[in-house]
Amino acid sequence: MRKAIGASLYRLQPEKTLFMQCDIQEKFKPAIPLMNALIENTKKLLAAGKILNVPLLVTEQYPERLGKTVAELDIRHACANIPKTKFSMIVGPIKKNMAEMFSGKPQTVVLFGMEVGSICYLPPRAHTSTAPLLPRDRPTFAWSKRPLT
């Protein structure tokens, strides 16, 4: 039994992993249900990433109009904070940072934030940010807005 369970678990390798935080911004607070849960979950992911030295890339959708990343999240350790106007995180500066950090694409990407808040377990081709990152046959797991316990 133990062997079967262990074989199904996926373990992140911090040196081959990238955390990507998507558009968790001030103007979204009043409009997004469960925003507080999303912020609390993100705090936990950011803390784990700091401990494990996983690089973090942050995007902000049109920050001039939608505000900066919410004040509750400490993203000072981010490798880059990229403003964007596309509905994908995979914009030029993100590609450039990934190429510099991983000589291309990281083995694992943990994508969390606004763009992934309402989806769960979609194939990569179905999601604008994950499609360019992963092979078509690898599943993509989105982080839930429900509080972590």
Protein backbone atom coordinates (compact mmCIF):
# COMPACT_ATOMS: atom_id res chain seq x y z
CA MET A 1 0.00 0.00 0.00
CA ARG A 2 2.72 2.46 0.97
CA LYS A 3 4.55 1.95 -2.31
CA ALA A 4 1.41 2.68 -4.34
CA ILE A 5 0.74 5.89 -2.43
CA GLY A 6 4.33 7.07 -2.70
CA ALA A 7 4.42 6.41 -6.43
CA SER A 8 1.42 8.69 -6.98
CA LEU A 9 2.84 11.69 -5.10
CA TYR A 10 4.67 14.39 -6.99
CA ARG A 11 7.53 16.06 -5.17
CA LEU A 12 8.71 19.48 -6.16
CA GLN A 13 12.41 19.95 -6.72
CA PRO A 14 12.97 23.56 -5.62
CA GLU A 15 15.93 24.10 -7.97
CA LYS A 16 13.72 23.11 -10.94
CA THR A 17 10.55 24.86 -9.78
CA LEU A 18 9.14 28.31 -10.45
CA PHE A 19 6.34 30.02 -8.51
CA MET A 20 4.21 32.40 -10.60
CA GLN A 21 1.79 34.75 -8.86
CA CYS A 22 -0.89 36.14 -11.14
CA ASP A 23 -2.63 39.50 -10.70
CA ILE A 24 -3.63 39.50 -7.03
CA GLN A 25 -4.36 43.23 -7.02
CA GLU A 26 -6.12 45.82 -4.86
CA LYS A 27 -8.97 46.70 -7.25
CA PHE A 28 -10.08 43.07 -7.37
CA LYS A 29 -10.69 42.88 -3.61
CA PRO A 30 -14.34 44.04 -3.54
CA ALA A 31 -15.31 42.11 -6.68
CA ILE A 32 -13.82 38.66 -6.08
CA PRO A 33 -15.63 36.16 -3.84
CA LEU A 34 -13.28 34.43 -1.40
CA MET A 35 -10.53 36.99 -2.04
CA ASN A 36 -9.46 36.76 1.61
CA ALA A 37 -9.03 32.98 1.28
CA LEU A 38 -6.99 33.47 -1.90
CA ILE A 39 -4.75 35.95 -0.07
CA GLU A 40 -4.30 33.60 2.91
CA ASN A 41 -3.45 30.64 0.64
CA THR A 42 -1.01 32.80 -1.30
CA LYS A 43 0.72 33.87 1.92
CA LYS A 44 1.35 30.20 2.69
CA LEU A 45 2.72 29.52 -0.80
CA LEU A 46 4.99 32.56 -0.64
CA ALA A 47 6.29 31.52 2.78
CA ALA A 48 7.03 28.00 1.53
CA GLY A 49 8.73 29.39 -1.56
CA LYS A 50 10.98 31.59 0.56
CA ILE A 51 11.98 28.67 2.80
CA LEU A 52 12.71 26.43 -0.20
CA ASN A 53 14.37 29.21 -2.24
CA VAL A 54 11.93 28.75 -5.12
CA PRO A 55 12.13 31.74 -7.49
CA LEU A 56 8.99 33.86 -7.77
CA LEU A 57 7.72 35.82 -10.75
CA VAL A 58 4.77 38.16 -10.19
CA THR A 59 2.46 39.76 -12.74
CA GLU A 60 0.10 42.69 -12.36
CA GLN A 61 -2.66 43.29 -14.90
CA TYR A 62 -2.68 46.97 -15.95
CA PRO A 63 -1.47 48.21 -12.52
CA GLU A 64 -2.10 51.87 -13.42
CA ARG A 65 -5.84 51.13 -13.33
CA LEU A 66 -6.14 47.99 -11.21
CA GLY A 67 -3.60 48.84 -8.54
CA LYS A 68 -0.53 47.03 -7.30
CA THR A 69 -0.35 43.61 -5.64
CA VAL A 70 -2.43 43.58 -2.44
CA ALA A 71 -0.57 44.99 0.55
CA GLU A 72 -1.07 41.79 2.56
CA LEU A 73 1.34 39.87 0.31
CA ASP A 74 5.08 40.30 0.76
CA ILE A 75 6.57 39.91 -2.71
CA ARG A 76 9.84 41.74 -2.06
CA HIS A 77 11.74 38.51 -2.74
CA ALA A 78 10.26 38.20 -6.26
CA CYS A 79 12.79 37.95 -9.08
CA ALA A 80 10.55 40.26 -11.12
CA ASN A 81 7.23 42.05 -10.88
CA ILE A 82 5.93 42.38 -14.44
CA PRO A 83 3.14 44.75 -15.48
CA LYS A 84 1.07 43.40 -18.37
CA THR A 85 -2.05 44.01 -20.43
CA LYS A 86 -2.53 40.51 -21.88
CA PHE A 87 -4.69 37.81 -20.29
CA SER A 88 -1.72 35.48 -20.13
CA MET A 89 1.24 35.53 -17.79
CA ILE A 90 3.52 34.35 -20.57
CA VAL A 91 4.63 37.75 -21.82
CA GLY A 92 8.09 38.72 -23.08
CA PRO A 93 9.66 39.65 -19.71
CA ILE A 94 8.39 36.41 -18.12
CA LYS A 95 9.88 34.34 -20.96
CA LYS A 96 13.16 36.25 -20.60
CA ASN A 97 13.30 35.64 -16.83
CA MET A 98 12.50 31.94 -17.23
CA ALA A 99 15.20 31.57 -19.89
CA GLU A 100 17.77 33.24 -17.64
CA MET A 101 16.81 31.21 -14.56
CA PHE A 102 16.27 27.79 -16.12
CA SER A 103 17.84 27.92 -19.59
CA GLY A 104 14.33 27.66 -20.96
CA LYS A 105 11.36 26.27 -19.10
CA PRO A 106 11.39 25.07 -15.48
CA GLN A 107 10.45 21.45 -14.79
CA THR A 108 7.55 22.52 -12.57
CA VAL A 109 5.52 25.71 -12.42
CA VAL A 110 3.23 26.47 -9.50
CA LEU A 111 0.75 28.99 -10.86
CA PHE A 112 -1.51 30.80 -8.40
CA GLY A 113 -3.60 33.93 -8.23
CA MET A 114 -6.48 35.56 -10.03
CA GLU A 115 -6.25 33.78 -13.36
CA VAL A 116 -6.29 30.36 -11.73
CA GLY A 117 -8.70 31.04 -8.88
CA SER A 118 -11.79 29.63 -10.57
CA ILE A 119 -10.36 26.66 -12.47
CA CYS A 120 -9.25 23.27 -11.30
CA TYR A 121 -7.56 20.36 -13.04
CA LEU A 122 -7.72 21.56 -16.64
CA PRO A 123 -5.54 20.19 -19.41
CA PRO A 124 -2.77 22.66 -20.27
CA ARG A 125 -4.20 23.59 -23.66
CA ALA A 126 -7.38 24.86 -21.96
CA HIS A 127 -5.72 27.62 -19.97
CA THR A 128 -3.97 30.66 -21.40
CA SER A 129 -1.09 30.82 -18.90
CA THR A 130 -0.35 27.13 -18.60
CA ALA A 131 -0.59 26.15 -22.26
CA PRO A 132 2.84 27.52 -23.26
CA LEU A 133 4.51 26.07 -20.16
CA LEU A 134 3.70 22.39 -20.23
CA PRO A 135 3.57 19.51 -22.69
CA ARG A 136 0.06 18.72 -23.95
CA ASP A 137 -0.01 15.37 -22.16
CA ARG A 138 0.86 16.64 -18.66
CA PRO A 139 -2.00 17.66 -16.34
CA THR A 140 -2.14 21.11 -14.82
CA PHE A 141 -3.26 21.60 -11.23
CA ALA A 142 -4.72 24.95 -10.19
CA TRP A 143 -4.67 26.12 -6.60
CA SER A 144 -8.09 26.35 -4.99
CA LYS A 145 -9.44 29.47 -3.28
CA ARG A 146 -10.62 27.34 -0.34
CA PRO A 147 -8.57 27.92 2.82
CA LEU A 148 -5.70 25.53 3.47
CA THR A 149 -5.83 23.76 6.82
